Amino acid sequence: YHLKFKRLFTLARLGILPKRLLECESTVPLCIECQFGQAHRRRWTSKGRHYGSIQKESETKPGDGVSVDQIVSAQPGLIPQMSGFLTSDRIWGATTFVDHVSDYVYDSPTRYLR
């Protein structure tokens, strides 16, 4: 927190603060803390441009159009288990299928066997 720049320049003219502060009186400097304080976070839904749907007009029933994406993890993770014998299997990736019409999402984990 600091005083307003108008007040700082007045104190510099009176000799209370160094006179060299008057050099930047014509162009008021931007204080980084003030910039952060004045900044407002934008909603994530309003960021960027919306380009429309990936669904084509010819896709009218489920299964007509499906998108596929894969992810691979550098650090394999444990397989969740509720009961039974413990396993040394690891999940190292996943394949995701998304239906364009019904928005049904299916994830298929990829296992790594030791």
N, C-alpha and C. Protein backbone atom coordinates (compact mmCIF):
# COMPACT_ATOMS: atom_id res chain seq x y z
N TYR A 1 0.84 -1.18 0.00
CA TYR A 1 0.00 0.00 0.00
C TYR A 1 0.88 1.24 0.00
N HIS A 2 0.50 2.25 -0.74
CA HIS A 2 1.25 3.50 -0.79
C HIS A 2 0.29 4.67 -0.93
N LEU A 3 0.81 5.86 -0.74
CA LEU A 3 0.01 7.07 -0.92
C LEU A 3 -0.31 7.27 -2.39
N LYS A 4 -1.29 8.11 -2.67
CA LYS A 4 -1.57 8.46 -4.06
C LYS A 4 -0.38 9.23 -4.62
N PHE A 5 -0.14 9.07 -5.91
CA PHE A 5 1.03 9.70 -6.52
C PHE A 5 0.97 11.22 -6.44
N LYS A 6 -0.22 11.80 -6.48
CA LYS A 6 -0.35 13.25 -6.35
C LYS A 6 0.19 13.71 -5.00
N ARG A 7 -0.11 12.96 -3.95
CA ARG A 7 0.37 13.27 -2.61
C ARG A 7 1.88 13.07 -2.51
N LEU A 8 2.40 11.99 -3.16
CA LEU A 8 3.84 11.75 -3.15
C LEU A 8 4.60 12.89 -3.81
N PHE A 9 4.07 13.39 -4.94
CA PHE A 9 4.73 14.49 -5.63
C PHE A 9 4.69 15.78 -4.80
N THR A 10 3.60 15.99 -4.07
CA THR A 10 3.51 17.16 -3.20
C THR A 10 4.56 17.07 -2.09
N LEU A 11 4.73 15.90 -1.49
CA LEU A 11 5.74 15.72 -0.45
C LEU A 11 7.16 15.89 -1.01
N ALA A 12 7.35 15.51 -2.27
CA ALA A 12 8.67 15.69 -2.89
C ALA A 12 8.94 17.18 -3.13
N ARG A 13 7.92 17.94 -3.51
CA ARG A 13 8.10 19.39 -3.71
C ARG A 13 8.41 20.09 -2.39
N LEU A 14 7.85 19.60 -1.29
CA LEU A 14 8.10 20.20 0.02
C LEU A 14 9.45 19.78 0.59
N GLY A 15 10.11 18.80 -0.02
CA GLY A 15 11.42 18.36 0.44
C GLY A 15 11.36 17.24 1.46
N ILE A 16 10.19 16.73 1.76
CA ILE A 16 10.08 15.63 2.71
C ILE A 16 10.56 14.33 2.07
N LEU A 17 10.22 14.15 0.78
CA LEU A 17 10.70 13.01 0.00
C LEU A 17 11.76 13.49 -0.98
N PRO A 18 12.58 12.61 -1.53
CA PRO A 18 13.63 13.05 -2.46
C PRO A 18 13.04 13.76 -3.68
N LYS A 19 13.75 14.79 -4.16
CA LYS A 19 13.29 15.59 -5.30
C LYS A 19 13.29 14.79 -6.60
N ARG A 20 14.08 13.72 -6.65
CA ARG A 20 14.15 12.94 -7.89
C ARG A 20 12.81 12.28 -8.24
N LEU A 21 11.89 12.20 -7.29
CA LEU A 21 10.57 11.66 -7.59
C LEU A 21 9.78 12.56 -8.53
N LEU A 22 10.14 13.85 -8.59
CA LEU A 22 9.43 14.78 -9.45
C LEU A 22 9.74 14.55 -10.93
N GLU A 23 10.79 13.78 -11.24
CA GLU A 23 11.14 13.50 -12.64
C GLU A 23 10.06 12.69 -13.34
N CYS A 24 9.33 11.89 -12.61
CA CYS A 24 8.29 11.06 -13.24
C CYS A 24 6.89 11.65 -13.01
N GLU A 25 6.81 12.93 -12.71
CA GLU A 25 5.51 13.55 -12.46
C GLU A 25 4.68 13.66 -13.74
N SER A 26 5.33 13.85 -14.89
CA SER A 26 4.59 13.99 -16.14
C SER A 26 3.98 12.66 -16.58
N THR A 27 4.65 11.58 -16.33
CA THR A 27 4.12 10.25 -16.63
C THR A 27 4.06 9.47 -15.32
N VAL A 28 2.89 9.31 -14.80
CA VAL A 28 2.71 8.63 -13.52
C VAL A 28 3.06 7.15 -13.70
N PRO A 29 3.97 6.61 -12.89
CA PRO A 29 4.36 5.21 -13.03
C PRO A 29 3.22 4.27 -12.64
N LEU A 30 3.26 3.08 -13.21
CA LEU A 30 2.28 2.06 -12.87
C LEU A 30 2.84 1.18 -11.76
N CYS A 31 2.15 1.14 -10.68
CA CYS A 31 2.56 0.33 -9.54
C CYS A 31 2.06 -1.10 -9.77
N ILE A 32 2.93 -2.08 -9.62
CA ILE A 32 2.56 -3.47 -9.88
C ILE A 32 1.48 -3.93 -8.91
N GLU A 33 1.59 -3.55 -7.65
CA GLU A 33 0.58 -3.96 -6.67
C GLU A 33 -0.79 -3.37 -7.00
N CYS A 34 -0.78 -2.12 -7.48
CA CYS A 34 -2.06 -1.50 -7.85
C CYS A 34 -2.67 -2.19 -9.07
N GLN A 35 -1.83 -2.59 -10.00
CA GLN A 35 -2.33 -3.30 -11.18
C GLN A 35 -2.98 -4.62 -10.77
N PHE A 36 -2.35 -5.36 -9.86
CA PHE A 36 -2.93 -6.60 -9.39
C PHE A 36 -4.24 -6.33 -8.65
N GLY A 37 -4.30 -5.26 -7.88
CA GLY A 37 -5.50 -4.94 -7.14
C GLY A 37 -6.66 -4.53 -8.03
N GLN A 38 -6.35 -3.91 -9.17
CA GLN A 38 -7.39 -3.47 -10.08
C GLN A 38 -7.81 -4.56 -11.05
N ALA A 39 -7.02 -5.60 -11.15
CA ALA A 39 -7.34 -6.68 -12.09
C ALA A 39 -8.54 -7.47 -11.59
N HIS A 40 -9.33 -7.92 -12.52
CA HIS A 40 -10.50 -8.73 -12.20
C HIS A 40 -10.40 -10.05 -12.94
N ARG A 41 -10.63 -11.11 -12.24
CA ARG A 41 -10.55 -12.42 -12.85
C ARG A 41 -11.77 -12.65 -13.73
N ARG A 42 -11.52 -13.12 -14.96
CA ARG A 42 -12.61 -13.40 -15.87
C ARG A 42 -13.09 -14.82 -15.69
N ARG A 43 -14.36 -15.04 -15.93
CA ARG A 43 -14.91 -16.39 -15.84
C ARG A 43 -14.29 -17.25 -16.92
N TRP A 44 -14.07 -18.52 -16.61
CA TRP A 44 -13.44 -19.41 -17.58
C TRP A 44 -14.34 -19.68 -18.77
N THR A 45 -15.66 -19.51 -18.59
CA THR A 45 -16.57 -19.76 -19.70
C THR A 45 -16.54 -18.65 -20.73
N SER A 46 -16.03 -17.48 -20.37
CA SER A 46 -16.01 -16.38 -21.32
C SER A 46 -14.65 -16.19 -21.97
N LYS A 47 -13.67 -17.02 -21.61
CA LYS A 47 -12.35 -16.88 -22.20
C LYS A 47 -12.34 -17.53 -23.58
N GLY A 48 -11.70 -16.88 -24.50
CA GLY A 48 -11.55 -17.45 -25.84
C GLY A 48 -12.81 -17.30 -26.67
N ARG A 49 -12.73 -17.83 -27.86
CA ARG A 49 -13.84 -17.73 -28.80
C ARG A 49 -14.54 -19.07 -28.91
N HIS A 50 -15.84 -19.06 -29.01
CA HIS A 50 -16.61 -20.28 -29.14
C HIS A 50 -16.79 -20.56 -30.62
N TYR A 51 -16.33 -21.72 -31.08
CA TYR A 51 -16.36 -22.02 -32.50
C TYR A 51 -17.53 -22.89 -32.91
N GLY A 52 -18.39 -23.25 -32.02
CA GLY A 52 -19.54 -24.06 -32.37
C GLY A 52 -19.34 -25.52 -32.01
N SER A 53 -20.22 -26.35 -32.52
CA SER A 53 -20.24 -27.76 -32.17
C SER A 53 -19.41 -28.57 -33.15
N ILE A 54 -18.88 -29.70 -32.67
CA ILE A 54 -18.15 -30.63 -33.52
C ILE A 54 -19.12 -31.55 -34.25
N GLN A 55 -20.37 -31.59 -33.78
CA GLN A 55 -21.39 -32.46 -34.35
C GLN A 55 -21.82 -31.95 -35.72
N LYS A 56 -21.90 -32.86 -36.69
CA LYS A 56 -22.36 -32.52 -38.04
C LYS A 56 -23.87 -32.62 -38.10
N GLU A 57 -24.47 -31.97 -39.08
CA GLU A 57 -25.93 -32.01 -39.22
C GLU A 57 -26.42 -33.41 -39.59
N SER A 58 -25.58 -34.21 -40.25
CA SER A 58 -25.98 -35.55 -40.67
C SER A 58 -26.00 -36.54 -39.50
N GLU A 59 -25.41 -36.18 -38.38
CA GLU A 59 -25.39 -37.05 -37.21
C GLU A 59 -26.65 -36.82 -36.39
N THR A 60 -27.60 -37.74 -36.52
CA THR A 60 -28.90 -37.55 -35.86
C THR A 60 -29.16 -38.57 -34.76
N LYS A 61 -28.53 -39.74 -34.82
CA LYS A 61 -28.78 -40.76 -33.79
C LYS A 61 -27.46 -41.18 -33.16
N PRO A 62 -27.51 -41.68 -31.92
CA PRO A 62 -26.29 -42.06 -31.22
C PRO A 62 -25.48 -43.08 -32.03
N GLY A 63 -24.17 -42.87 -32.05
CA GLY A 63 -23.27 -43.75 -32.77
C GLY A 63 -22.90 -43.24 -34.15
N ASP A 64 -23.61 -42.22 -34.65
CA ASP A 64 -23.28 -41.66 -35.95
C ASP A 64 -21.92 -40.96 -35.94
N GLY A 65 -21.58 -40.34 -34.84
CA GLY A 65 -20.29 -39.64 -34.74
C GLY A 65 -19.70 -39.80 -33.35
N VAL A 66 -18.46 -40.25 -33.30
CA VAL A 66 -17.79 -40.48 -32.02
C VAL A 66 -16.40 -39.86 -32.09
N SER A 67 -16.02 -39.14 -31.04
CA SER A 67 -14.67 -38.60 -30.93
C SER A 67 -13.87 -39.47 -29.97
N VAL A 68 -12.57 -39.63 -30.27
CA VAL A 68 -11.69 -40.47 -29.47
C VAL A 68 -10.48 -39.64 -29.07
N ASP A 69 -10.07 -39.79 -27.81
CA ASP A 69 -8.88 -39.10 -27.32
C ASP A 69 -8.14 -40.05 -26.40
N GLN A 70 -6.80 -39.92 -26.39
CA GLN A 70 -5.99 -40.76 -25.53
C GLN A 70 -5.07 -39.91 -24.69
N ILE A 71 -4.76 -40.42 -23.49
CA ILE A 71 -3.82 -39.75 -22.60
C ILE A 71 -2.87 -40.80 -22.06
N VAL A 72 -1.60 -40.42 -21.95
CA VAL A 72 -0.58 -41.31 -21.42
C VAL A 72 0.07 -40.61 -20.23
N SER A 73 0.20 -41.33 -19.13
CA SER A 73 0.79 -40.77 -17.92
C SER A 73 2.26 -41.18 -17.83
N ALA A 74 3.09 -40.25 -17.44
CA ALA A 74 4.51 -40.55 -17.24
C ALA A 74 4.72 -41.37 -15.97
N GLN A 75 3.79 -41.25 -15.03
CA GLN A 75 3.88 -41.97 -13.76
C GLN A 75 2.67 -42.90 -13.64
N PRO A 76 2.83 -44.20 -13.88
CA PRO A 76 1.68 -45.11 -13.78
C PRO A 76 1.05 -45.08 -12.40
N GLY A 77 -0.28 -45.18 -12.37
CA GLY A 77 -1.01 -45.13 -11.10
C GLY A 77 -1.56 -46.49 -10.71
N LEU A 78 -1.92 -46.60 -9.46
CA LEU A 78 -2.49 -47.85 -8.94
C LEU A 78 -3.90 -48.05 -9.46
N ILE A 79 -4.28 -49.31 -9.57
CA ILE A 79 -5.64 -49.66 -9.97
C ILE A 79 -6.50 -49.68 -8.71
N PRO A 80 -7.61 -48.95 -8.67
CA PRO A 80 -8.46 -48.94 -7.48
C PRO A 80 -9.07 -50.33 -7.25
N GLN A 81 -9.03 -50.80 -6.00
CA GLN A 81 -9.57 -52.11 -5.65
C GLN A 81 -10.39 -51.99 -4.37
N MET A 82 -11.53 -52.64 -4.35
CA MET A 82 -12.37 -52.67 -3.16
C MET A 82 -12.15 -53.95 -2.36
N SER A 83 -11.90 -55.06 -3.08
CA SER A 83 -11.70 -56.33 -2.40
C SER A 83 -10.90 -57.26 -3.31
N GLY A 84 -10.54 -58.42 -2.80
CA GLY A 84 -9.81 -59.39 -3.60
C GLY A 84 -8.32 -59.30 -3.36
N PHE A 85 -7.57 -60.04 -4.17
CA PHE A 85 -6.13 -60.05 -4.05
C PHE A 85 -5.53 -58.76 -4.61
N LEU A 86 -4.52 -58.28 -3.93
CA LEU A 86 -3.86 -57.07 -4.42
C LEU A 86 -3.14 -57.36 -5.71
N THR A 87 -3.09 -56.39 -6.59
CA THR A 87 -2.47 -56.57 -7.88
C THR A 87 -1.32 -55.59 -8.05
N SER A 88 -0.36 -55.97 -8.87
CA SER A 88 0.75 -55.06 -9.17
C SER A 88 0.53 -54.34 -10.49
N ASP A 89 -0.66 -54.51 -11.07
CA ASP A 89 -0.98 -53.83 -12.32
C ASP A 89 -1.01 -52.32 -12.09
N ARG A 90 -0.71 -51.59 -13.13
CA ARG A 90 -0.72 -50.13 -13.07
C ARG A 90 -1.52 -49.58 -14.25
N ILE A 91 -2.17 -48.45 -14.03
CA ILE A 91 -2.84 -47.74 -15.11
C ILE A 91 -1.85 -46.70 -15.63
N TRP A 92 -1.52 -46.77 -16.91
CA TRP A 92 -0.55 -45.82 -17.46
C TRP A 92 -1.16 -44.93 -18.51
N GLY A 93 -2.44 -45.08 -18.79
CA GLY A 93 -3.09 -44.23 -19.78
C GLY A 93 -4.57 -44.50 -19.81
N ALA A 94 -5.27 -43.79 -20.68
CA ALA A 94 -6.70 -43.98 -20.84
C ALA A 94 -7.13 -43.56 -22.23
N THR A 95 -8.18 -44.19 -22.71
CA THR A 95 -8.80 -43.83 -23.98
C THR A 95 -10.22 -43.38 -23.68
N THR A 96 -10.60 -42.23 -24.19
CA THR A 96 -11.93 -41.66 -23.93
C THR A 96 -12.71 -41.59 -25.24
N PHE A 97 -13.93 -42.09 -25.20
CA PHE A 97 -14.83 -42.02 -26.35
C PHE A 97 -16.00 -41.11 -25.98
N VAL A 98 -16.36 -40.19 -26.87
CA VAL A 98 -17.49 -39.29 -26.62
C VAL A 98 -18.42 -39.34 -27.82
N ASP A 99 -19.69 -39.67 -27.57
CA ASP A 99 -20.69 -39.69 -28.63
C ASP A 99 -21.20 -38.28 -28.87
N HIS A 100 -21.27 -37.86 -30.13
CA HIS A 100 -21.65 -36.48 -30.45
C HIS A 100 -23.13 -36.19 -30.18
N VAL A 101 -23.99 -37.16 -30.38
CA VAL A 101 -25.42 -36.91 -30.25
C VAL A 101 -25.89 -37.02 -28.81
N SER A 102 -25.53 -38.13 -28.14
CA SER A 102 -26.03 -38.36 -26.78
C SER A 102 -25.09 -37.80 -25.71
N ASP A 103 -23.90 -37.36 -26.09
CA ASP A 103 -22.88 -36.87 -25.14
C ASP A 103 -22.47 -37.96 -24.14
N TYR A 104 -22.64 -39.22 -24.51
CA TYR A 104 -22.22 -40.33 -23.65
C TYR A 104 -20.69 -40.41 -23.67
N VAL A 105 -20.08 -40.53 -22.50
CA VAL A 105 -18.63 -40.59 -22.37
C VAL A 105 -18.26 -41.95 -21.79
N TYR A 106 -17.31 -42.62 -22.46
CA TYR A 106 -16.81 -43.90 -21.97
C TYR A 106 -15.29 -43.81 -21.87
N ASP A 107 -14.76 -44.11 -20.69
CA ASP A 107 -13.32 -44.11 -20.46
C ASP A 107 -12.85 -45.54 -20.31
N SER A 108 -11.76 -45.86 -21.00
CA SER A 108 -11.18 -47.18 -20.91
C SER A 108 -9.74 -47.04 -20.43
N PRO A 109 -9.45 -47.46 -19.19
CA PRO A 109 -8.08 -47.35 -18.70
C PRO A 109 -7.16 -48.35 -19.40
N THR A 110 -5.91 -47.95 -19.59
CA THR A 110 -4.92 -48.82 -20.21
C THR A 110 -4.00 -49.33 -19.12
N ARG A 111 -3.90 -50.65 -18.99
CA ARG A 111 -3.13 -51.24 -17.91
C ARG A 111 -1.71 -51.55 -18.36
N TYR A 112 -0.83 -51.53 -17.40
CA TYR A 112 0.55 -51.93 -17.60
C TYR A 112 0.80 -53.11 -16.69
N LEU A 113 1.10 -54.27 -17.27
CA LEU A 113 1.30 -55.47 -16.48
C LEU A 113 2.78 -55.65 -16.21
N ARG A 114 3.11 -56.00 -14.97
CA ARG A 114 4.52 -56.21 -14.61
C ARG A 114 4.86 -57.66 -14.79
